[in-house]
Amino acid sequence: SAQQLDYFTEVDQSDHVAWIALSSDNAGQTGLGIARFIRLPHQ
């Protein structure tokens, strides 16, 4: 959903860290994988 896409891509790279793996094809980059972690507020 639009809300999920906001959450997954608008990250602060501190409490919510996310990196994406992209193809290096000159014709256009394709997402190959993604990894993230989100700090627990209470821990």
All heavy atoms as atom14 arrays in JSON, in Angstrom:
{
  "sequence": "SAQQLDYFTEVDQSDHVAWIALSSDNAGQTGLGIARFIRLPHQ",
  "atom14_mask": [
    [1, 1, 1, 1, 1, 1, 0, 0, 0, 0, 0, 0, 0, 0],
    [1, 1, 1, 1, 1, 0, 0, 0, 0, 0, 0, 0, 0, 0],
    [1, 1, 1, 1, 1, 1, 1, 1, 1, 0, 0, 0, 0, 0],
    [1, 1, 1, 1, 1, 1, 1, 1, 1, 0, 0, 0, 0, 0],
    [1, 1, 1, 1, 1, 1, 1, 1, 0, 0, 0, 0, 0, 0],
    [1, 1, 1, 1, 1, 1, 1, 1, 0, 0, 0, 0, 0, 0],
    [1, 1, 1, 1, 1, 1, 1, 1, 1, 1, 1, 1, 0, 0],
    [1, 1, 1, 1, 1, 1, 1, 1, 1, 1, 1, 0, 0, 0],
    [1, 1, 1, 1, 1, 1, 1, 0, 0, 0, 0, 0, 0, 0],
    [1, 1, 1, 1, 1, 1, 1, 1, 1, 0, 0, 0, 0, 0],
    [1, 1, 1, 1, 1, 1, 1, 0, 0, 0, 0, 0, 0, 0],
    [1, 1, 1, 1, 1, 1, 1, 1, 0, 0, 0, 0, 0, 0],
    [1, 1, 1, 1, 1, 1, 1, 1, 1, 0, 0, 0, 0, 0],
    [1, 1, 1, 1, 1, 1, 0, 0, 0, 0, 0, 0, 0, 0],
    [1, 1, 1, 1, 1, 1, 1, 1, 0, 0, 0, 0, 0, 0],
    [1, 1, 1, 1, 1, 1, 1, 1, 1, 1, 0, 0, 0, 0],
    [1, 1, 1, 1, 1, 1, 1, 0, 0, 0, 0, 0, 0, 0],
    [1, 1, 1, 1, 1, 0, 0, 0, 0, 0, 0, 0, 0, 0],
    [1, 1, 1, 1, 1, 1, 1, 1, 1, 1, 1, 1, 1, 1],
    [1, 1, 1, 1, 1, 1, 1, 1, 0, 0, 0, 0, 0, 0],
    [1, 1, 1, 1, 1, 0, 0, 0, 0, 0, 0, 0, 0, 0],
    [1, 1, 1, 1, 1, 1, 1, 1, 0, 0, 0, 0, 0, 0],
    [1, 1, 1, 1, 1, 1, 0, 0, 0, 0, 0, 0, 0, 0],
    [1, 1, 1, 1, 1, 1, 0, 0, 0, 0, 0, 0, 0, 0],
    [1, 1, 1, 1, 1, 1, 1, 1, 0, 0, 0, 0, 0, 0],
    [1, 1, 1, 1, 1, 1, 1, 1, 0, 0, 0, 0, 0, 0],
    [1, 1, 1, 1, 1, 0, 0, 0, 0, 0, 0, 0, 0, 0],
    [1, 1, 1, 1, 0, 0, 0, 0, 0, 0, 0, 0, 0, 0],
    [1, 1, 1, 1, 1, 1, 1, 1, 1, 0, 0, 0, 0, 0],
    [1, 1, 1, 1, 1, 1, 1, 0, 0, 0, 0, 0, 0, 0],
    [1, 1, 1, 1, 0, 0, 0, 0, 0, 0, 0, 0, 0, 0],
    [1, 1, 1, 1, 1, 1, 1, 1, 0, 0, 0, 0, 0, 0],
    [1, 1, 1, 1, 0, 0, 0, 0, 0, 0, 0, 0, 0, 0],
    [1, 1, 1, 1, 1, 1, 1, 1, 0, 0, 0, 0, 0, 0],
    [1, 1, 1, 1, 1, 0, 0, 0, 0, 0, 0, 0, 0, 0],
    [1, 1, 1, 1, 1, 1, 1, 1, 1, 1, 1, 0, 0, 0],
    [1, 1, 1, 1, 1, 1, 1, 1, 1, 1, 1, 0, 0, 0],
    [1, 1, 1, 1, 1, 1, 1, 1, 0, 0, 0, 0, 0, 0],
    [1, 1, 1, 1, 1, 1, 1, 1, 1, 1, 1, 0, 0, 0],
    [1, 1, 1, 1, 1, 1, 1, 1, 0, 0, 0, 0, 0, 0],
    [1, 1, 1, 1, 1, 1, 1, 0, 0, 0, 0, 0, 0, 0],
    [1, 1, 1, 1, 1, 1, 1, 1, 1, 1, 0, 0, 0, 0],
    [1, 1, 1, 1, 1, 1, 1, 1, 1, 0, 0, 0, 0, 0]
  ],
  "atom14_positions": [
    [[0.84, -1.19, 0.0], [0.0, 0.0, 0.0], [0.87, 1.24, 0.0], [2.09, 1.18, 0.26], [-0.9, 0.01, 1.24], [-0.13, 0.17, 2.42], [0.0, 0.0, 0.0], [0.0, 0.0, 0.0], [0.0, 0.0, 0.0], [0.0, 0.0, 0.0], [0.0, 0.0, 0.0], [0.0, 0.0, 0.0], [0.0, 0.0, 0.0], [0.0, 0.0, 0.0]],
    [[0.27, 2.39, -0.27], [1.01, 3.65, -0.24], [1.6, 3.89, 1.14], [2.74, 4.36, 1.27], [0.08, 4.8, -0.65], [0.0, 0.0, 0.0], [0.0, 0.0, 0.0], [0.0, 0.0, 0.0], [0.0, 0.0, 0.0], [0.0, 0.0, 0.0], [0.0, 0.0, 0.0], [0.0, 0.0, 0.0], [0.0, 0.0, 0.0], [0.0, 0.0, 0.0]],
    [[0.84, 3.55, 2.17], [1.33, 3.73, 3.54], [2.52, 2.82, 3.83], [3.5, 3.23, 4.46], [0.2, 3.46, 4.54], [0.59, 3.72, 5.99], [-0.57, 3.49, 6.96], [-1.6, 2.92, 6.59], [-0.41, 3.96, 8.19], [0.0, 0.0, 0.0], [0.0, 0.0, 0.0], [0.0, 0.0, 0.0], [0.0, 0.0, 0.0], [0.0, 0.0, 0.0]],
    [[2.46, 1.58, 3.35], [3.57, 0.66, 3.55], [4.81, 1.13, 2.8], [5.93, 1.03, 3.32], [3.17, -0.74, 3.1], [2.19, -1.43, 4.04], [1.66, -2.72, 3.45], [1.36, -2.81, 2.25], [1.55, -3.75, 4.3], [0.0, 0.0, 0.0], [0.0, 0.0, 0.0], [0.0, 0.0, 0.0], [0.0, 0.0, 0.0], [0.0, 0.0, 0.0]],
    [[4.63, 1.63, 1.59], [5.77, 2.13, 0.82], [6.41, 3.33, 1.51], [7.64, 3.46, 1.51], [5.32, 2.5, -0.6], [5.05, 1.32, -1.53], [4.4, 1.8, -2.81], [6.35, 0.57, -1.84], [0.0, 0.0, 0.0], [0.0, 0.0, 0.0], [0.0, 0.0, 0.0], [0.0, 0.0, 0.0], [0.0, 0.0, 0.0], [0.0, 0.0, 0.0]],
    [[5.6, 4.2, 2.1], [6.15, 5.31, 2.88], [7.01, 4.77, 4.02], [8.14, 5.22, 4.23], [5.02, 6.16, 3.47], [4.29, 6.98, 2.42], [4.84, 7.16, 1.31], [3.17, 7.43, 2.71], [0.0, 0.0, 0.0], [0.0, 0.0, 0.0], [0.0, 0.0, 0.0], [0.0, 0.0, 0.0], [0.0, 0.0, 0.0], [0.0, 0.0, 0.0]],
    [[6.47, 3.79, 4.72], [7.16, 3.24, 5.9], [8.46, 2.54, 5.5], [9.48, 2.67, 6.19], [6.23, 2.25, 6.61], [6.82, 1.65, 7.86], [6.95, 2.4, 9.02], [7.23, 0.31, 7.89], [7.49, 1.84, 10.18], [7.76, -0.25, 9.03], [7.89, 0.52, 10.17], [8.42, -0.03, 11.31], [0.0, 0.0, 0.0], [0.0, 0.0, 0.0]],
    [[8.43, 1.82, 4.39], [9.6, 1.04, 3.98], [10.69, 1.88, 3.32], [11.84, 1.44, 3.24], [9.18, -0.08, 3.03], [8.47, -1.21, 3.7], [7.41, -1.86, 3.07], [8.84, -1.65, 4.96], [6.75, -2.91, 3.68], [8.17, -2.69, 5.6], [7.13, -3.33, 4.96], [0.0, 0.0, 0.0], [0.0, 0.0, 0.0], [0.0, 0.0, 0.0]],
    [[10.37, 3.05, 2.83], [11.36, 3.84, 2.09], [11.74, 5.16, 2.77], [12.78, 5.73, 2.44], [10.87, 4.16, 0.67], [9.64, 4.87, 0.73], [10.67, 2.87, -0.13], [0.0, 0.0, 0.0], [0.0, 0.0, 0.0], [0.0, 0.0, 0.0], [0.0, 0.0, 0.0], [0.0, 0.0, 0.0], [0.0, 0.0, 0.0], [0.0, 0.0, 0.0]],
    [[10.94, 5.65, 3.69], [11.26, 6.89, 4.4], [11.83, 6.52, 5.76], [11.15, 6.57, 6.79], [10.03, 7.78, 4.51], [9.5, 8.24, 3.16], [8.23, 9.07, 3.25], [7.83, 9.43, 4.39], [7.64, 9.36, 2.2], [0.0, 0.0, 0.0], [0.0, 0.0, 0.0], [0.0, 0.0, 0.0], [0.0, 0.0, 0.0], [0.0, 0.0, 0.0]],
    [[13.1, 6.13, 5.77], [13.75, 5.62, 6.98], [14.83, 6.59, 7.44], [15.4, 7.33, 6.64], [14.35, 4.22, 6.73], [13.26, 3.26, 6.29], [15.43, 4.27, 5.67], [0.0, 0.0, 0.0], [0.0, 0.0, 0.0], [0.0, 0.0, 0.0], [0.0, 0.0, 0.0], [0.0, 0.0, 0.0], [0.0, 0.0, 0.0], [0.0, 0.0, 0.0]],
    [[15.1, 6.58, 8.74], [16.07, 7.54, 9.29], [17.49, 6.99, 9.31], [18.43, 7.71, 9.65], [15.65, 7.99, 10.69], [15.57, 6.85, 11.71], [16.07, 5.73, 11.41], [15.02, 7.06, 12.8], [0.0, 0.0, 0.0], [0.0, 0.0, 0.0], [0.0, 0.0, 0.0], [0.0, 0.0, 0.0], [0.0, 0.0, 0.0], [0.0, 0.0, 0.0]],
    [[17.68, 5.71, 8.98], [19.0, 5.05, 8.98], [19.67, 5.11, 10.35], [20.9, 5.06, 10.45], [19.92, 5.65, 7.9], [19.4, 5.5, 6.49], [19.31, 4.06, 6.01], [19.79, 3.14, 6.66], [18.68, 3.85, 4.87], [0.0, 0.0, 0.0], [0.0, 0.0, 0.0], [0.0, 0.0, 0.0], [0.0, 0.0, 0.0], [0.0, 0.0, 0.0]],
    [[18.86, 5.21, 11.39], [19.39, 5.17, 12.75], [18.58, 4.17, 13.57], [19.09, 3.14, 13.98], [19.34, 6.56, 13.39], [19.8, 6.5, 14.73], [0.0, 0.0, 0.0], [0.0, 0.0, 0.0], [0.0, 0.0, 0.0], [0.0, 0.0, 0.0], [0.0, 0.0, 0.0], [0.0, 0.0, 0.0], [0.0, 0.0, 0.0], [0.0, 0.0, 0.0]],
    [[17.32, 4.49, 13.8], [16.43, 3.54, 14.48], [15.77, 2.6, 13.48], [15.33, 1.52, 13.84], [15.36, 4.3, 15.27], [15.96, 5.07, 16.43], [16.97, 4.62, 17.0], [15.42, 6.14, 16.77], [0.0, 0.0, 0.0], [0.0, 0.0, 0.0], [0.0, 0.0, 0.0], [0.0, 0.0, 0.0], [0.0, 0.0, 0.0], [0.0, 0.0, 0.0]],
    [[15.64, 3.05, 12.26], [15.13, 2.21, 11.17], [16.17, 2.25, 10.06], [16.32, 3.24, 9.36], [13.78, 2.76, 10.68], [13.14, 1.9, 9.63], [11.84, 2.11, 9.2], [13.59, 0.82, 8.91], [11.52, 1.22, 8.28], [12.57, 0.43, 8.08], [0.0, 0.0, 0.0], [0.0, 0.0, 0.0], [0.0, 0.0, 0.0], [0.0, 0.0, 0.0]],
    [[16.89, 1.15, 9.93], [17.99, 1.06, 8.96], [17.57, 0.11, 7.85], [17.05, -0.97, 8.11], [19.27, 0.54, 9.65], [20.36, 0.24, 8.63], [19.76, 1.55, 10.68], [0.0, 0.0, 0.0], [0.0, 0.0, 0.0], [0.0, 0.0, 0.0], [0.0, 0.0, 0.0], [0.0, 0.0, 0.0], [0.0, 0.0, 0.0], [0.0, 0.0, 0.0]],
    [[17.79, 0.52, 6.62], [17.43, -0.34, 5.48], [18.4, -0.11, 4.33], [18.74, 1.03, 4.0], [15.99, -0.05, 5.03], [0.0, 0.0, 0.0], [0.0, 0.0, 0.0], [0.0, 0.0, 0.0], [0.0, 0.0, 0.0], [0.0, 0.0, 0.0], [0.0, 0.0, 0.0], [0.0, 0.0, 0.0], [0.0, 0.0, 0.0], [0.0, 0.0, 0.0]],
    [[18.83, -1.21, 3.72], [19.7, -1.17, 2.54], [19.07, -2.03, 1.45], [18.45, -3.05, 1.73], [21.1, -1.69, 2.88], [21.96, -0.67, 3.57], [21.75, -0.13, 4.81], [23.14, -0.05, 3.06], [22.74, 0.78, 5.11], [23.6, 0.84, 4.05], [23.85, -0.19, 1.87], [24.74, 1.61, 3.88], [25.0, 0.57, 1.69], [25.44, 1.46, 2.69]],
    [[19.27, -1.61, 0.23], [18.7, -2.3, -0.92], [19.82, -2.77, -1.84], [20.84, -2.1, -1.99], [17.71, -1.39, -1.67], [16.93, -2.16, -2.72], [18.41, -0.19, -2.28], [15.76, -1.39, -3.3], [0.0, 0.0, 0.0], [0.0, 0.0, 0.0], [0.0, 0.0, 0.0], [0.0, 0.0, 0.0], [0.0, 0.0, 0.0], [0.0, 0.0, 0.0]],
    [[19.62, -3.95, -2.43], [20.55, -4.48, -3.43], [19.94, -4.23, -4.8], [18.78, -4.56, -5.04], [20.77, -5.97, -3.2], [0.0, 0.0, 0.0], [0.0, 0.0, 0.0], [0.0, 0.0, 0.0], [0.0, 0.0, 0.0], [0.0, 0.0, 0.0], [0.0, 0.0, 0.0], [0.0, 0.0, 0.0], [0.0, 0.0, 0.0], [0.0, 0.0, 0.0]],
    [[20.74, -3.65, -5.69], [20.26, -3.27, -7.02], [21.12, -3.89, -8.1], [22.34, -4.03, -7.94], [20.29, -1.74, -7.17], [19.48, -0.93, -6.16], [19.88, 0.54, -6.22], [18.0, -1.09, -6.41], [0.0, 0.0, 0.0], [0.0, 0.0, 0.0], [0.0, 0.0, 0.0], [0.0, 0.0, 0.0], [0.0, 0.0, 0.0], [0.0, 0.0, 0.0]],
    [[20.5, -4.24, -9.2], [21.27, -4.72, -10.34], [22.07, -3.56, -10.9], [21.69, -2.4, -10.76], [20.34, -5.28, -11.42], [19.57, -4.22, -12.0], [0.0, 0.0, 0.0], [0.0, 0.0, 0.0], [0.0, 0.0, 0.0], [0.0, 0.0, 0.0], [0.0, 0.0, 0.0], [0.0, 0.0, 0.0], [0.0, 0.0, 0.0], [0.0, 0.0, 0.0]],
    [[23.18, -3.87, -11.52], [24.03, -2.83, -12.11], [23.81, -2.73, -13.61], [24.66, -2.22, -14.34], [25.51, -3.11, -11.81], [25.87, -4.4, -12.27], [0.0, 0.0, 0.0], [0.0, 0.0, 0.0], [0.0, 0.0, 0.0], [0.0, 0.0, 0.0], [0.0, 0.0, 0.0], [0.0, 0.0, 0.0], [0.0, 0.0, 0.0], [0.0, 0.0, 0.0]],
    [[22.67, -3.21, -14.08], [22.33, -3.18, -15.49], [22.12, -1.73, -15.95], [21.33, -0.99, -15.37], [21.05, -3.98, -15.73], [20.71, -4.11, -17.21], [21.38, -3.47, -18.03], [19.77, -4.85, -17.52], [0.0, 0.0, 0.0], [0.0, 0.0, 0.0], [0.0, 0.0, 0.0], [0.0, 0.0, 0.0], [0.0, 0.0, 0.0], [0.0, 0.0, 0.0]],
    [[22.83, -1.33, -16.96], [22.73, 0.05, -17.45], [21.35, 0.37, -18.01], [20.97, 1.53, -18.14], [23.79, 0.32, -18.51], [25.2, 0.31, -17.94], [25.39, 0.65, -16.79], [26.16, -0.09, -18.74], [0.0, 0.0, 0.0], [0.0, 0.0, 0.0], [0.0, 0.0, 0.0], [0.0, 0.0, 0.0], [0.0, 0.0, 0.0], [0.0, 0.0, 0.0]],
    [[20.59, -0.67, -18.35], [19.26, -0.44, -18.92], [18.27, 0.05, -17.87], [17.19, 0.52, -18.19], [18.75, -1.71, -19.56], [0.0, 0.0, 0.0], [0.0, 0.0, 0.0], [0.0, 0.0, 0.0], [0.0, 0.0, 0.0], [0.0, 0.0, 0.0], [0.0, 0.0, 0.0], [0.0, 0.0, 0.0], [0.0, 0.0, 0.0], [0.0, 0.0, 0.0]],
    [[18.61, -0.06, -16.62], [17.71, 0.35, -15.55], [17.91, -0.53, -14.33], [18.02, -1.75, -14.47], [0.0, 0.0, 0.0], [0.0, 0.0, 0.0], [0.0, 0.0, 0.0], [0.0, 0.0, 0.0], [0.0, 0.0, 0.0], [0.0, 0.0, 0.0], [0.0, 0.0, 0.0], [0.0, 0.0, 0.0], [0.0, 0.0, 0.0], [0.0, 0.0, 0.0]],
    [[17.95, 0.06, -13.15], [18.21, -0.71, -11.95], [16.97, -1.47, -11.51], [15.85, -0.95, -11.52], [18.71, 0.2, -10.84], [20.12, 0.72, -11.07], [20.66, 1.44, -9.86], [19.95, 2.19, -9.2], [21.92, 1.22, -9.55], [0.0, 0.0, 0.0], [0.0, 0.0, 0.0], [0.0, 0.0, 0.0], [0.0, 0.0, 0.0], [0.0, 0.0, 0.0]],
    [[17.19, -2.7, -11.1], [16.13, -3.57, -10.6], [16.44, -3.94, -9.16], [17.6, -4.22, -8.83], [16.03, -4.85, -11.45], [15.75, -4.5, -12.81], [14.93, -5.77, -10.93], [0.0, 0.0, 0.0], [0.0, 0.0, 0.0], [0.0, 0.0, 0.0], [0.0, 0.0, 0.0], [0.0, 0.0, 0.0], [0.0, 0.0, 0.0], [0.0, 0.0, 0.0]],
    [[15.45, -3.94, -8.32], [15.65, -4.34, -6.94], [15.82, -5.85, -6.83], [14.99, -6.61, -7.33], [0.0, 0.0, 0.0], [0.0, 0.0, 0.0], [0.0, 0.0, 0.0], [0.0, 0.0, 0.0], [0.0, 0.0, 0.0], [0.0, 0.0, 0.0], [0.0, 0.0, 0.0], [0.0, 0.0, 0.0], [0.0, 0.0, 0.0], [0.0, 0.0, 0.0]],
    [[16.9, -6.28, -6.21], [17.18, -7.7, -6.07], [16.93, -8.22, -4.66], [16.67, -9.4, -4.46], [18.64, -7.98, -6.44], [19.12, -7.45, -7.79], [20.59, -7.77, -8.0], [18.28, -8.0, -8.92], [0.0, 0.0, 0.0], [0.0, 0.0, 0.0], [0.0, 0.0, 0.0], [0.0, 0.0, 0.0], [0.0, 0.0, 0.0], [0.0, 0.0, 0.0]],
    [[17.02, -7.33, -3.69], [16.82, -7.72, -2.31], [16.87, -6.51, -1.41], [17.35, -5.44, -1.81], [0.0, 0.0, 0.0], [0.0, 0.0, 0.0], [0.0, 0.0, 0.0], [0.0, 0.0, 0.0], [0.0, 0.0, 0.0], [0.0, 0.0, 0.0], [0.0, 0.0, 0.0], [0.0, 0.0, 0.0], [0.0, 0.0, 0.0], [0.0, 0.0, 0.0]],
    [[16.39, -6.67, -0.21], [16.39, -5.57, 0.74], [16.51, -6.14, 2.15], [16.02, -7.24, 2.43], [15.11, -4.72, 0.58], [15.25, -3.37, 1.27], [13.89, -5.47, 1.07], [14.19, -2.37, 0.85], [0.0, 0.0, 0.0], [0.0, 0.0, 0.0], [0.0, 0.0, 0.0], [0.0, 0.0, 0.0], [0.0, 0.0, 0.0], [0.0, 0.0, 0.0]],
    [[17.22, -5.42, 3.0], [17.4, -5.84, 4.38], [17.19, -4.63, 5.28], [17.59, -3.52, 4.94], [18.8, -6.42, 4.59], [0.0, 0.0, 0.0], [0.0, 0.0, 0.0], [0.0, 0.0, 0.0], [0.0, 0.0, 0.0], [0.0, 0.0, 0.0], [0.0, 0.0, 0.0], [0.0, 0.0, 0.0], [0.0, 0.0, 0.0], [0.0, 0.0, 0.0]],
    [[16.56, -4.87, 6.42], [16.3, -3.75, 7.33], [16.23, -4.23, 8.77], [16.01, -5.41, 9.03], [14.99, -3.05, 6.97], [13.73, -3.81, 7.26], [12.46, -3.04, 6.88], [12.34, -2.87, 5.45], [12.43, -1.68, 4.82], [12.6, -0.59, 5.53], [12.32, -1.62, 3.5], [0.0, 0.0, 0.0], [0.0, 0.0, 0.0], [0.0, 0.0, 0.0]],
    [[16.46, -3.31, 9.69], [16.14, -3.58, 11.08], [15.52, -2.33, 11.69], [15.78, -1.21, 11.24], [17.34, -4.08, 11.9], [18.46, -3.09, 12.11], [18.35, -2.02, 12.98], [19.69, -3.29, 11.48], [19.4, -1.14, 13.19], [20.75, -2.41, 11.68], [20.6, -1.34, 12.55], [0.0, 0.0, 0.0], [0.0, 0.0, 0.0], [0.0, 0.0, 0.0]],
    [[14.67, -2.55, 12.69], [13.96, -1.47, 13.36], [14.16, -1.63, 14.86], [13.81, -2.67, 15.44], [12.46, -1.5, 13.0], [12.28, -1.36, 11.49], [11.71, -0.38, 13.74], [10.86, -1.62, 11.02], [0.0, 0.0, 0.0], [0.0, 0.0, 0.0], [0.0, 0.0, 0.0], [0.0, 0.0, 0.0], [0.0, 0.0, 0.0], [0.0, 0.0, 0.0]],
    [[14.73, -0.62, 15.47], [14.99, -0.66, 16.9], [13.68, -0.7, 17.69], [12.71, 0.02, 17.38], [15.79, 0.59, 17.3], [16.4, 0.53, 18.69], [16.99, 1.89, 19.09], [17.94, 2.39, 18.1], [19.25, 2.17, 18.14], [19.76, 1.43, 19.12], [20.05, 2.7, 17.23], [0.0, 0.0, 0.0], [0.0, 0.0, 0.0], [0.0, 0.0, 0.0]],
    [[13.63, -1.53, 18.72], [12.45, -1.61, 19.56], [12.45, -0.45, 20.56], [13.42, -0.29, 21.31], [12.4, -2.94, 20.31], [12.34, -4.21, 19.45], [12.26, -5.44, 20.33], [11.15, -4.16, 18.51], [0.0, 0.0, 0.0], [0.0, 0.0, 0.0], [0.0, 0.0, 0.0], [0.0, 0.0, 0.0], [0.0, 0.0, 0.0], [0.0, 0.0, 0.0]],
    [[11.4, 0.34, 20.61], [11.37, 1.5, 21.5], [11.58, 1.14, 22.98], [12.26, 1.86, 23.71], [9.98, 2.11, 21.27], [9.58, 1.62, 19.92], [10.17, 0.24, 19.8], [0.0, 0.0, 0.0], [0.0, 0.0, 0.0], [0.0, 0.0, 0.0], [0.0, 0.0, 0.0], [0.0, 0.0, 0.0], [0.0, 0.0, 0.0], [0.0, 0.0, 0.0]],
    [[11.02, 0.01, 23.4], [11.11, -0.39, 24.81], [12.36, -1.2, 25.1], [12.66, -1.48, 26.26], [9.87, -1.2, 25.2], [9.66, -2.43, 24.38], [9.28, -2.39, 23.06], [9.81, -3.75, 24.7], [9.18, -3.63, 22.59], [9.51, -4.46, 23.55], [0.0, 0.0, 0.0], [0.0, 0.0, 0.0], [0.0, 0.0, 0.0], [0.0, 0.0, 0.0]],
    [[13.09, -1.59, 24.06], [14.37, -2.31, 24.2], [15.34, -1.73, 23.18], [15.58, -2.32, 22.13], [14.19, -3.81, 23.97], [13.37, -4.54, 25.01], [13.23, -6.01, 24.68], [12.4, -6.41, 23.87], [14.06, -6.83, 25.32], [0.0, 0.0, 0.0], [0.0, 0.0, 0.0], [0.0, 0.0, 0.0], [0.0, 0.0, 0.0], [0.0, 0.0, 0.0]]
  ]
}
